[in-house]
All heavy atoms as atom14 arrays in JSON, in Angstrom:
{
  "sequence": "RVTIRDSISSGLTIVAPGSKKGEGTLSQARLEQVNITGTGLGGSPHH",
  "atom14_mask": [
    [1, 1, 1, 1, 1, 1, 1, 1, 1, 1, 1, 0, 0, 0],
    [1, 1, 1, 1, 1, 1, 1, 0, 0, 0, 0, 0, 0, 0],
    [1, 1, 1, 1, 1, 1, 1, 0, 0, 0, 0, 0, 0, 0],
    [1, 1, 1, 1, 1, 1, 1, 1, 0, 0, 0, 0, 0, 0],
    [1, 1, 1, 1, 1, 1, 1, 1, 1, 1, 1, 0, 0, 0],
    [1, 1, 1, 1, 1, 1, 1, 1, 0, 0, 0, 0, 0, 0],
    [1, 1, 1, 1, 1, 1, 0, 0, 0, 0, 0, 0, 0, 0],
    [1, 1, 1, 1, 1, 1, 1, 1, 0, 0, 0, 0, 0, 0],
    [1, 1, 1, 1, 1, 1, 0, 0, 0, 0, 0, 0, 0, 0],
    [1, 1, 1, 1, 1, 1, 0, 0, 0, 0, 0, 0, 0, 0],
    [1, 1, 1, 1, 0, 0, 0, 0, 0, 0, 0, 0, 0, 0],
    [1, 1, 1, 1, 1, 1, 1, 1, 0, 0, 0, 0, 0, 0],
    [1, 1, 1, 1, 1, 1, 1, 0, 0, 0, 0, 0, 0, 0],
    [1, 1, 1, 1, 1, 1, 1, 1, 0, 0, 0, 0, 0, 0],
    [1, 1, 1, 1, 1, 1, 1, 0, 0, 0, 0, 0, 0, 0],
    [1, 1, 1, 1, 1, 0, 0, 0, 0, 0, 0, 0, 0, 0],
    [1, 1, 1, 1, 1, 1, 1, 0, 0, 0, 0, 0, 0, 0],
    [1, 1, 1, 1, 0, 0, 0, 0, 0, 0, 0, 0, 0, 0],
    [1, 1, 1, 1, 1, 1, 0, 0, 0, 0, 0, 0, 0, 0],
    [1, 1, 1, 1, 1, 1, 1, 1, 1, 0, 0, 0, 0, 0],
    [1, 1, 1, 1, 1, 1, 1, 1, 1, 0, 0, 0, 0, 0],
    [1, 1, 1, 1, 0, 0, 0, 0, 0, 0, 0, 0, 0, 0],
    [1, 1, 1, 1, 1, 1, 1, 1, 1, 0, 0, 0, 0, 0],
    [1, 1, 1, 1, 0, 0, 0, 0, 0, 0, 0, 0, 0, 0],
    [1, 1, 1, 1, 1, 1, 1, 0, 0, 0, 0, 0, 0, 0],
    [1, 1, 1, 1, 1, 1, 1, 1, 0, 0, 0, 0, 0, 0],
    [1, 1, 1, 1, 1, 1, 0, 0, 0, 0, 0, 0, 0, 0],
    [1, 1, 1, 1, 1, 1, 1, 1, 1, 0, 0, 0, 0, 0],
    [1, 1, 1, 1, 1, 0, 0, 0, 0, 0, 0, 0, 0, 0],
    [1, 1, 1, 1, 1, 1, 1, 1, 1, 1, 1, 0, 0, 0],
    [1, 1, 1, 1, 1, 1, 1, 1, 0, 0, 0, 0, 0, 0],
    [1, 1, 1, 1, 1, 1, 1, 1, 1, 0, 0, 0, 0, 0],
    [1, 1, 1, 1, 1, 1, 1, 1, 1, 0, 0, 0, 0, 0],
    [1, 1, 1, 1, 1, 1, 1, 0, 0, 0, 0, 0, 0, 0],
    [1, 1, 1, 1, 1, 1, 1, 1, 0, 0, 0, 0, 0, 0],
    [1, 1, 1, 1, 1, 1, 1, 1, 0, 0, 0, 0, 0, 0],
    [1, 1, 1, 1, 1, 1, 1, 0, 0, 0, 0, 0, 0, 0],
    [1, 1, 1, 1, 0, 0, 0, 0, 0, 0, 0, 0, 0, 0],
    [1, 1, 1, 1, 1, 1, 1, 0, 0, 0, 0, 0, 0, 0],
    [1, 1, 1, 1, 0, 0, 0, 0, 0, 0, 0, 0, 0, 0],
    [1, 1, 1, 1, 1, 1, 1, 1, 0, 0, 0, 0, 0, 0],
    [1, 1, 1, 1, 0, 0, 0, 0, 0, 0, 0, 0, 0, 0],
    [1, 1, 1, 1, 0, 0, 0, 0, 0, 0, 0, 0, 0, 0],
    [1, 1, 1, 1, 1, 1, 0, 0, 0, 0, 0, 0, 0, 0],
    [1, 1, 1, 1, 1, 1, 1, 0, 0, 0, 0, 0, 0, 0],
    [1, 1, 1, 1, 1, 1, 1, 1, 1, 1, 0, 0, 0, 0],
    [1, 1, 1, 1, 1, 1, 1, 1, 1, 1, 0, 0, 0, 0]
  ],
  "atom14_positions": [
    [[-3.71, 12.99, -4.26], [-3.64, 13.07, -5.72], [-2.49, 12.21, -6.25], [-1.62, 12.69, -6.97], [-3.52, 14.51, -6.2], [-4.62, 15.43, -5.71], [-4.74, 16.71, -6.52], [-3.5, 17.4, -6.72], [-2.94, 18.24, -5.86], [-3.53, 18.49, -4.71], [-1.82, 18.85, -6.13], [0.0, 0.0, 0.0], [0.0, 0.0, 0.0], [0.0, 0.0, 0.0]],
    [[-2.51, 10.95, -5.89], [-1.49, 10.0, -6.34], [-2.16, 8.96, -7.23], [-3.17, 8.36, -6.87], [-0.81, 9.32, -5.14], [0.11, 8.2, -5.62], [-0.01, 10.35, -4.34], [0.0, 0.0, 0.0], [0.0, 0.0, 0.0], [0.0, 0.0, 0.0], [0.0, 0.0, 0.0], [0.0, 0.0, 0.0], [0.0, 0.0, 0.0], [0.0, 0.0, 0.0]],
    [[-1.59, 8.77, -8.41], [-2.08, 7.78, -9.36], [-1.08, 6.64, -9.44], [0.12, 6.87, -9.65], [-2.27, 8.41, -10.75], [-3.27, 9.44, -10.67], [-2.73, 7.36, -11.76], [0.0, 0.0, 0.0], [0.0, 0.0, 0.0], [0.0, 0.0, 0.0], [0.0, 0.0, 0.0], [0.0, 0.0, 0.0], [0.0, 0.0, 0.0], [0.0, 0.0, 0.0]],
    [[-1.58, 5.41, -9.28], [-0.73, 4.22, -9.3], [-1.27, 3.29, -10.38], [-2.42, 2.84, -10.3], [-0.73, 3.52, -7.93], [-0.25, 4.5, -6.85], [0.14, 2.27, -7.97], [-0.39, 3.97, -5.43], [0.0, 0.0, 0.0], [0.0, 0.0, 0.0], [0.0, 0.0, 0.0], [0.0, 0.0, 0.0], [0.0, 0.0, 0.0], [0.0, 0.0, 0.0]],
    [[-0.46, 2.99, -11.39], [-0.92, 2.18, -12.52], [0.01, 1.01, -12.79], [1.22, 1.11, -12.65], [-1.03, 3.05, -13.78], [-2.06, 4.16, -13.7], [-2.31, 4.82, -15.05], [-1.17, 5.61, -15.51], [-0.5, 5.37, -16.62], [-0.81, 4.34, -17.37], [0.5, 6.15, -16.97], [0.0, 0.0, 0.0], [0.0, 0.0, 0.0], [0.0, 0.0, 0.0]],
    [[-0.6, -0.09, -13.18], [0.14, -1.27, -13.67], [1.24, -1.69, -12.71], [2.41, -1.86, -13.09], [0.71, -0.99, -15.06], [-0.37, -0.78, -16.09], [-1.53, -1.13, -15.82], [-0.06, -0.27, -17.18], [0.0, 0.0, 0.0], [0.0, 0.0, 0.0], [0.0, 0.0, 0.0], [0.0, 0.0, 0.0], [0.0, 0.0, 0.0], [0.0, 0.0, 0.0]],
    [[0.88, -1.89, -11.46], [1.86, -2.28, -10.44], [2.33, -3.71, -10.67], [1.54, -4.6, -11.03], [1.25, -2.17, -9.04], [0.88, -0.83, -8.76], [0.0, 0.0, 0.0], [0.0, 0.0, 0.0], [0.0, 0.0, 0.0], [0.0, 0.0, 0.0], [0.0, 0.0, 0.0], [0.0, 0.0, 0.0], [0.0, 0.0, 0.0], [0.0, 0.0, 0.0]],
    [[3.6, -3.94, -10.42], [4.15, -5.28, -10.55], [3.58, -6.19, -9.46], [3.3, -7.35, -9.68], [5.68, -5.23, -10.5], [6.21, -4.42, -11.71], [6.28, -6.63, -10.52], [7.68, -4.09, -11.65], [0.0, 0.0, 0.0], [0.0, 0.0, 0.0], [0.0, 0.0, 0.0], [0.0, 0.0, 0.0], [0.0, 0.0, 0.0], [0.0, 0.0, 0.0]],
    [[3.41, -5.64, -8.25], [2.74, -6.38, -7.18], [1.51, -5.59, -6.74], [0.63, -5.35, -7.55], [3.71, -6.66, -6.03], [4.23, -5.45, -5.5], [0.0, 0.0, 0.0], [0.0, 0.0, 0.0], [0.0, 0.0, 0.0], [0.0, 0.0, 0.0], [0.0, 0.0, 0.0], [0.0, 0.0, 0.0], [0.0, 0.0, 0.0], [0.0, 0.0, 0.0]],
    [[1.45, -5.17, -5.48], [0.29, -4.42, -4.99], [0.45, -2.93, -5.3], [1.56, -2.43, -5.53], [0.11, -4.62, -3.49], [-0.31, -5.93, -3.2], [0.0, 0.0, 0.0], [0.0, 0.0, 0.0], [0.0, 0.0, 0.0], [0.0, 0.0, 0.0], [0.0, 0.0, 0.0], [0.0, 0.0, 0.0], [0.0, 0.0, 0.0], [0.0, 0.0, 0.0]],
    [[-0.69, -2.22, -5.23], [-0.65, -0.79, -5.49], [-0.11, -0.01, -4.31], [0.95, 0.62, -4.39], [0.0, 0.0, 0.0], [0.0, 0.0, 0.0], [0.0, 0.0, 0.0], [0.0, 0.0, 0.0], [0.0, 0.0, 0.0], [0.0, 0.0, 0.0], [0.0, 0.0, 0.0], [0.0, 0.0, 0.0], [0.0, 0.0, 0.0], [0.0, 0.0, 0.0]],
    [[-0.81, -0.07, -3.16], [-0.39, 0.64, -1.96], [-0.47, -0.34, -0.8], [-1.49, -1.0, -0.59], [-1.28, 1.86, -1.71], [-0.81, 2.87, -0.66], [-1.44, 4.24, -0.93], [-1.15, 2.46, 0.77], [0.0, 0.0, 0.0], [0.0, 0.0, 0.0], [0.0, 0.0, 0.0], [0.0, 0.0, 0.0], [0.0, 0.0, 0.0], [0.0, 0.0, 0.0]],
    [[0.62, -0.45, -0.05], [0.66, -1.38, 1.08], [1.05, -0.64, 2.35], [1.86, 0.29, 2.34], [1.66, -2.52, 0.83], [2.96, -1.98, 0.53], [1.21, -3.38, -0.35], [0.0, 0.0, 0.0], [0.0, 0.0, 0.0], [0.0, 0.0, 0.0], [0.0, 0.0, 0.0], [0.0, 0.0, 0.0], [0.0, 0.0, 0.0], [0.0, 0.0, 0.0]],
    [[0.45, -1.08, 3.47], [0.78, -0.56, 4.79], [1.21, -1.77, 5.61], [0.44, -2.71, 5.82], [-0.42, 0.14, 5.44], [-0.86, 1.33, 4.56], [-0.06, 0.63, 6.85], [-2.13, 2.02, 5.04], [0.0, 0.0, 0.0], [0.0, 0.0, 0.0], [0.0, 0.0, 0.0], [0.0, 0.0, 0.0], [0.0, 0.0, 0.0], [0.0, 0.0, 0.0]],
    [[2.47, -1.76, 6.05], [3.06, -2.92, 6.74], [3.8, -2.44, 7.98], [4.21, -1.28, 8.06], [4.0, -3.71, 5.81], [3.27, -4.18, 4.56], [5.21, -2.87, 5.43], [0.0, 0.0, 0.0], [0.0, 0.0, 0.0], [0.0, 0.0, 0.0], [0.0, 0.0, 0.0], [0.0, 0.0, 0.0], [0.0, 0.0, 0.0], [0.0, 0.0, 0.0]],
    [[3.98, -3.35, 8.95], [4.69, -3.01, 10.18], [5.58, -4.16, 10.62], [5.36, -4.77, 11.66], [3.69, -2.65, 11.29], [0.0, 0.0, 0.0], [0.0, 0.0, 0.0], [0.0, 0.0, 0.0], [0.0, 0.0, 0.0], [0.0, 0.0, 0.0], [0.0, 0.0, 0.0], [0.0, 0.0, 0.0], [0.0, 0.0, 0.0], [0.0, 0.0, 0.0]],
    [[6.63, -4.47, 9.87], [7.5, -5.6, 10.21], [8.28, -5.35, 11.49], [8.85, -4.28, 11.68], [8.44, -5.69, 9.0], [8.47, -4.3, 8.46], [7.08, -3.75, 8.67], [0.0, 0.0, 0.0], [0.0, 0.0, 0.0], [0.0, 0.0, 0.0], [0.0, 0.0, 0.0], [0.0, 0.0, 0.0], [0.0, 0.0, 0.0], [0.0, 0.0, 0.0]],
    [[8.31, -6.32, 12.36], [9.12, -6.23, 13.56], [8.58, -5.31, 14.63], [9.24, -5.09, 15.65], [0.0, 0.0, 0.0], [0.0, 0.0, 0.0], [0.0, 0.0, 0.0], [0.0, 0.0, 0.0], [0.0, 0.0, 0.0], [0.0, 0.0, 0.0], [0.0, 0.0, 0.0], [0.0, 0.0, 0.0], [0.0, 0.0, 0.0], [0.0, 0.0, 0.0]],
    [[7.4, -4.74, 14.41], [6.86, -3.82, 15.41], [6.1, -4.57, 16.49], [5.47, -5.59, 16.23], [5.94, -2.81, 14.72], [6.67, -2.02, 13.82], [0.0, 0.0, 0.0], [0.0, 0.0, 0.0], [0.0, 0.0, 0.0], [0.0, 0.0, 0.0], [0.0, 0.0, 0.0], [0.0, 0.0, 0.0], [0.0, 0.0, 0.0], [0.0, 0.0, 0.0]],
    [[6.16, -4.05, 17.7], [5.43, -4.65, 18.81], [5.21, -3.6, 19.89], [5.86, -2.56, 19.9], [6.19, -5.84, 19.38], [7.61, -5.52, 19.85], [8.33, -6.78, 20.3], [9.76, -6.45, 20.74], [10.5, -7.65, 21.17], [0.0, 0.0, 0.0], [0.0, 0.0, 0.0], [0.0, 0.0, 0.0], [0.0, 0.0, 0.0], [0.0, 0.0, 0.0]],
    [[4.27, -3.86, 20.77], [3.97, -2.98, 21.89], [3.73, -1.55, 21.43], [4.17, -0.58, 22.05], [5.1, -3.03, 22.92], [5.33, -4.4, 23.54], [6.46, -4.38, 24.54], [6.7, -5.77, 25.14], [7.83, -5.78, 26.11], [0.0, 0.0, 0.0], [0.0, 0.0, 0.0], [0.0, 0.0, 0.0], [0.0, 0.0, 0.0], [0.0, 0.0, 0.0]],
    [[3.04, -1.4, 20.28], [2.69, -0.07, 19.8], [3.82, 0.7, 19.17], [3.68, 1.9, 18.88], [0.0, 0.0, 0.0], [0.0, 0.0, 0.0], [0.0, 0.0, 0.0], [0.0, 0.0, 0.0], [0.0, 0.0, 0.0], [0.0, 0.0, 0.0], [0.0, 0.0, 0.0], [0.0, 0.0, 0.0], [0.0, 0.0, 0.0], [0.0, 0.0, 0.0]],
    [[4.96, 0.07, 18.93], [6.12, 0.79, 18.36], [5.89, 1.22, 16.93], [6.44, 2.22, 16.49], [7.36, -0.11, 18.42], [7.87, -0.37, 19.81], [9.03, -1.35, 19.79], [9.07, -2.22, 18.9], [9.9, -1.26, 20.67], [0.0, 0.0, 0.0], [0.0, 0.0, 0.0], [0.0, 0.0, 0.0], [0.0, 0.0, 0.0], [0.0, 0.0, 0.0]],
    [[5.13, 0.44, 16.16], [4.95, 0.74, 14.74], [3.52, 1.12, 14.41], [2.83, 0.39, 13.7], [0.0, 0.0, 0.0], [0.0, 0.0, 0.0], [0.0, 0.0, 0.0], [0.0, 0.0, 0.0], [0.0, 0.0, 0.0], [0.0, 0.0, 0.0], [0.0, 0.0, 0.0], [0.0, 0.0, 0.0], [0.0, 0.0, 0.0], [0.0, 0.0, 0.0]],
    [[3.05, 2.25, 14.92], [1.67, 2.68, 14.77], [1.57, 3.84, 13.78], [2.36, 4.78, 13.84], [1.09, 3.12, 16.12], [1.14, 2.02, 17.03], [-0.34, 3.6, 15.98], [0.0, 0.0, 0.0], [0.0, 0.0, 0.0], [0.0, 0.0, 0.0], [0.0, 0.0, 0.0], [0.0, 0.0, 0.0], [0.0, 0.0, 0.0], [0.0, 0.0, 0.0]],
    [[0.6, 3.77, 12.88], [0.31, 4.86, 11.95], [-0.87, 5.66, 12.49], [-1.93, 5.09, 12.77], [-0.01, 4.31, 10.57], [-0.32, 5.35, 9.48], [0.9, 6.23, 9.21], [-0.79, 4.67, 8.19], [0.0, 0.0, 0.0], [0.0, 0.0, 0.0], [0.0, 0.0, 0.0], [0.0, 0.0, 0.0], [0.0, 0.0, 0.0], [0.0, 0.0, 0.0]],
    [[-0.69, 6.96, 12.64], [-1.77, 7.82, 13.14], [-1.79, 9.13, 12.37], [-0.8, 9.51, 11.74], [-1.59, 8.09, 14.64], [-0.36, 8.75, 14.9], [0.0, 0.0, 0.0], [0.0, 0.0, 0.0], [0.0, 0.0, 0.0], [0.0, 0.0, 0.0], [0.0, 0.0, 0.0], [0.0, 0.0, 0.0], [0.0, 0.0, 0.0], [0.0, 0.0, 0.0]],
    [[-2.93, 9.8, 12.42], [-3.13, 11.07, 11.71], [-2.69, 10.94, 10.25], [-1.96, 11.77, 9.72], [-2.36, 12.2, 12.4], [-2.81, 12.44, 13.84], [-2.11, 13.63, 14.46], [-2.01, 14.7, 13.85], [-1.63, 13.46, 15.68], [0.0, 0.0, 0.0], [0.0, 0.0, 0.0], [0.0, 0.0, 0.0], [0.0, 0.0, 0.0], [0.0, 0.0, 0.0]],
    [[-3.16, 9.87, 9.62], [-2.83, 9.59, 8.22], [-4.07, 9.8, 7.36], [-5.18, 9.4, 7.74], [-2.31, 8.18, 8.06], [0.0, 0.0, 0.0], [0.0, 0.0, 0.0], [0.0, 0.0, 0.0], [0.0, 0.0, 0.0], [0.0, 0.0, 0.0], [0.0, 0.0, 0.0], [0.0, 0.0, 0.0], [0.0, 0.0, 0.0], [0.0, 0.0, 0.0]],
    [[-3.86, 10.39, 6.21], [-4.98, 10.72, 5.32], [-4.61, 10.36, 3.88], [-3.55, 10.76, 3.39], [-5.33, 12.21, 5.43], [-6.53, 12.64, 4.57], [-6.81, 14.11, 4.79], [-7.9, 14.59, 3.96], [-9.19, 14.52, 4.29], [-9.54, 13.98, 5.45], [-10.13, 15.0, 3.5], [0.0, 0.0, 0.0], [0.0, 0.0, 0.0], [0.0, 0.0, 0.0]],
    [[-5.49, 9.6, 3.23], [-5.34, 9.26, 1.82], [-6.5, 9.89, 1.06], [-7.67, 9.59, 1.34], [-5.36, 7.74, 1.61], [-4.13, 6.92, 2.0], [-3.91, 6.96, 3.52], [-4.31, 5.47, 1.58], [0.0, 0.0, 0.0], [0.0, 0.0, 0.0], [0.0, 0.0, 0.0], [0.0, 0.0, 0.0], [0.0, 0.0, 0.0], [0.0, 0.0, 0.0]],
    [[-6.19, 10.78, 0.13], [-7.25, 11.46, -0.6], [-6.91, 11.51, -2.09], [-5.76, 11.71, -2.47], [-7.46, 12.88, -0.06], [-6.23, 13.75, -0.08], [-6.41, 15.09, 0.63], [-7.3, 15.18, 1.48], [-5.64, 16.02, 0.31], [0.0, 0.0, 0.0], [0.0, 0.0, 0.0], [0.0, 0.0, 0.0], [0.0, 0.0, 0.0], [0.0, 0.0, 0.0]],
    [[-7.91, 11.26, -2.91], [-7.74, 11.23, -4.38], [-6.58, 10.31, -4.77], [-5.71, 10.67, -5.54], [-7.53, 12.63, -4.92], [-8.7, 13.57, -4.69], [-8.5, 14.92, -5.32], [-8.23, 15.03, -6.51], [-8.64, 15.98, -4.53], [0.0, 0.0, 0.0], [0.0, 0.0, 0.0], [0.0, 0.0, 0.0], [0.0, 0.0, 0.0], [0.0, 0.0, 0.0]],
    [[-6.6, 9.11, -4.2], [-5.63, 8.07, -4.56], [-6.33, 7.12, -5.52], [-7.35, 6.52, -5.19], [-5.14, 7.32, -3.31], [-4.21, 6.18, -3.71], [-4.44, 8.28, -2.35], [0.0, 0.0, 0.0], [0.0, 0.0, 0.0], [0.0, 0.0, 0.0], [0.0, 0.0, 0.0], [0.0, 0.0, 0.0], [0.0, 0.0, 0.0], [0.0, 0.0, 0.0]],
    [[-5.8, 7.01, -6.72], [-6.41, 6.2, -7.77], [-5.46, 5.07, -8.17], [-4.32, 5.32, -8.56], [-6.75, 7.06, -8.99], [-7.7, 8.21, -8.63], [-8.67, 8.01, -7.9], [-7.41, 9.39, -9.12], [0.0, 0.0, 0.0], [0.0, 0.0, 0.0], [0.0, 0.0, 0.0], [0.0, 0.0, 0.0], [0.0, 0.0, 0.0], [0.0, 0.0, 0.0]],
    [[-5.94, 3.83, -8.05], [-5.1, 2.67, -8.3], [-5.78, 1.76, -9.33], [-6.92, 1.35, -9.13], [-4.86, 1.88, -7.0], [-4.22, 2.79, -5.94], [-3.96, 0.67, -7.26], [-4.05, 2.14, -4.58], [0.0, 0.0, 0.0], [0.0, 0.0, 0.0], [0.0, 0.0, 0.0], [0.0, 0.0, 0.0], [0.0, 0.0, 0.0], [0.0, 0.0, 0.0]],
    [[-5.08, 1.47, -10.42], [-5.6, 0.57, -11.45], [-4.5, -0.37, -11.91], [-3.37, 0.04, -12.13], [-6.13, 1.34, -12.67], [-5.08, 2.17, -13.2], [-7.32, 2.22, -12.3], [0.0, 0.0, 0.0], [0.0, 0.0, 0.0], [0.0, 0.0, 0.0], [0.0, 0.0, 0.0], [0.0, 0.0, 0.0], [0.0, 0.0, 0.0], [0.0, 0.0, 0.0]],
    [[-4.83, -1.65, -12.06], [-3.88, -2.62, -12.58], [-2.83, -3.01, -11.57], [-1.89, -2.25, -11.31], [0.0, 0.0, 0.0], [0.0, 0.0, 0.0], [0.0, 0.0, 0.0], [0.0, 0.0, 0.0], [0.0, 0.0, 0.0], [0.0, 0.0, 0.0], [0.0, 0.0, 0.0], [0.0, 0.0, 0.0], [0.0, 0.0, 0.0], [0.0, 0.0, 0.0]],
    [[-2.98, -4.17, -10.96], [-1.98, -4.64, -10.0], [-1.64, -6.09, -10.29], [-2.34, -6.79, -11.02], [-2.5, -4.52, -8.55], [-3.73, -5.24, -8.45], [-2.73, -3.08, -8.16], [0.0, 0.0, 0.0], [0.0, 0.0, 0.0], [0.0, 0.0, 0.0], [0.0, 0.0, 0.0], [0.0, 0.0, 0.0], [0.0, 0.0, 0.0], [0.0, 0.0, 0.0]],
    [[-0.52, -6.54, -9.72], [-0.13, -7.94, -9.84], [0.41, -8.35, -11.18], [0.33, -9.53, -11.55], [0.0, 0.0, 0.0], [0.0, 0.0, 0.0], [0.0, 0.0, 0.0], [0.0, 0.0, 0.0], [0.0, 0.0, 0.0], [0.0, 0.0, 0.0], [0.0, 0.0, 0.0], [0.0, 0.0, 0.0], [0.0, 0.0, 0.0], [0.0, 0.0, 0.0]],
    [[1.0, -7.43, -11.92], [1.52, -7.8, -13.24], [2.67, -8.8, -13.15], [2.95, -9.51, -14.1], [1.98, -6.55, -13.99], [0.89, -5.52, -14.32], [1.47, -4.41, -15.16], [-0.29, -6.16, -15.01], [0.0, 0.0, 0.0], [0.0, 0.0, 0.0], [0.0, 0.0, 0.0], [0.0, 0.0, 0.0], [0.0, 0.0, 0.0], [0.0, 0.0, 0.0]],
    [[3.33, -8.85, -11.99], [4.4, -9.83, -11.81], [3.93, -11.16, -11.3], [4.73, -12.06, -11.05], [0.0, 0.0, 0.0], [0.0, 0.0, 0.0], [0.0, 0.0, 0.0], [0.0, 0.0, 0.0], [0.0, 0.0, 0.0], [0.0, 0.0, 0.0], [0.0, 0.0, 0.0], [0.0, 0.0, 0.0], [0.0, 0.0, 0.0], [0.0, 0.0, 0.0]],
    [[2.62, -11.3, -11.13], [2.06, -12.57, -10.69], [2.12, -12.79, -9.2], [1.8, -13.87, -8.71], [0.0, 0.0, 0.0], [0.0, 0.0, 0.0], [0.0, 0.0, 0.0], [0.0, 0.0, 0.0], [0.0, 0.0, 0.0], [0.0, 0.0, 0.0], [0.0, 0.0, 0.0], [0.0, 0.0, 0.0], [0.0, 0.0, 0.0], [0.0, 0.0, 0.0]],
    [[2.51, -11.78, -8.43], [2.63, -11.94, -6.99], [1.26, -11.89, -6.33], [0.28, -11.42, -6.92], [3.47, -10.79, -6.43], [2.76, -9.56, -6.57], [0.0, 0.0, 0.0], [0.0, 0.0, 0.0], [0.0, 0.0, 0.0], [0.0, 0.0, 0.0], [0.0, 0.0, 0.0], [0.0, 0.0, 0.0], [0.0, 0.0, 0.0], [0.0, 0.0, 0.0]],
    [[1.14, -12.33, -5.07], [-0.08, -12.03, -4.3], [-0.23, -10.52, -4.22], [0.74, -9.81, -3.94], [0.22, -12.64, -2.93], [1.29, -13.65, -3.17], [2.12, -13.11, -4.29], [0.0, 0.0, 0.0], [0.0, 0.0, 0.0], [0.0, 0.0, 0.0], [0.0, 0.0, 0.0], [0.0, 0.0, 0.0], [0.0, 0.0, 0.0], [0.0, 0.0, 0.0]],
    [[-1.41, -10.0, -4.47], [-1.52, -8.56, -4.61], [-2.94, -8.08, -4.32], [-3.9, -8.84, -4.4], [-1.14, -8.13, -6.02], [-2.08, -8.67, -7.07], [-1.92, -9.94, -7.6], [-3.2, -8.16, -7.64], [-2.9, -10.16, -8.47], [-3.68, -9.1, -8.51], [0.0, 0.0, 0.0], [0.0, 0.0, 0.0], [0.0, 0.0, 0.0], [0.0, 0.0, 0.0]],
    [[-3.02, -6.79, -4.0], [-4.28, -6.06, -3.86], [-4.01, -4.61, -4.26], [-2.86, -4.15, -4.24], [-4.81, -6.12, -2.42], [-5.1, -7.52, -1.95], [-6.24, -8.2, -2.29], [-4.36, -8.36, -1.18], [-6.23, -9.4, -1.74], [-5.08, -9.54, -1.08], [0.0, 0.0, 0.0], [0.0, 0.0, 0.0], [0.0, 0.0, 0.0], [0.0, 0.0, 0.0]]
  ]
}
């Protein structure tokens, strides 16, 4: 139940900088009722 509106860049991002050999793994993760509208207001690459 998270609402994300008018983001300057992307709405929700999943990243793993510097991770290797399985060190940066996301598991048992659940996204439910996540509503995202309006992204990239700062002109950045976005989703």
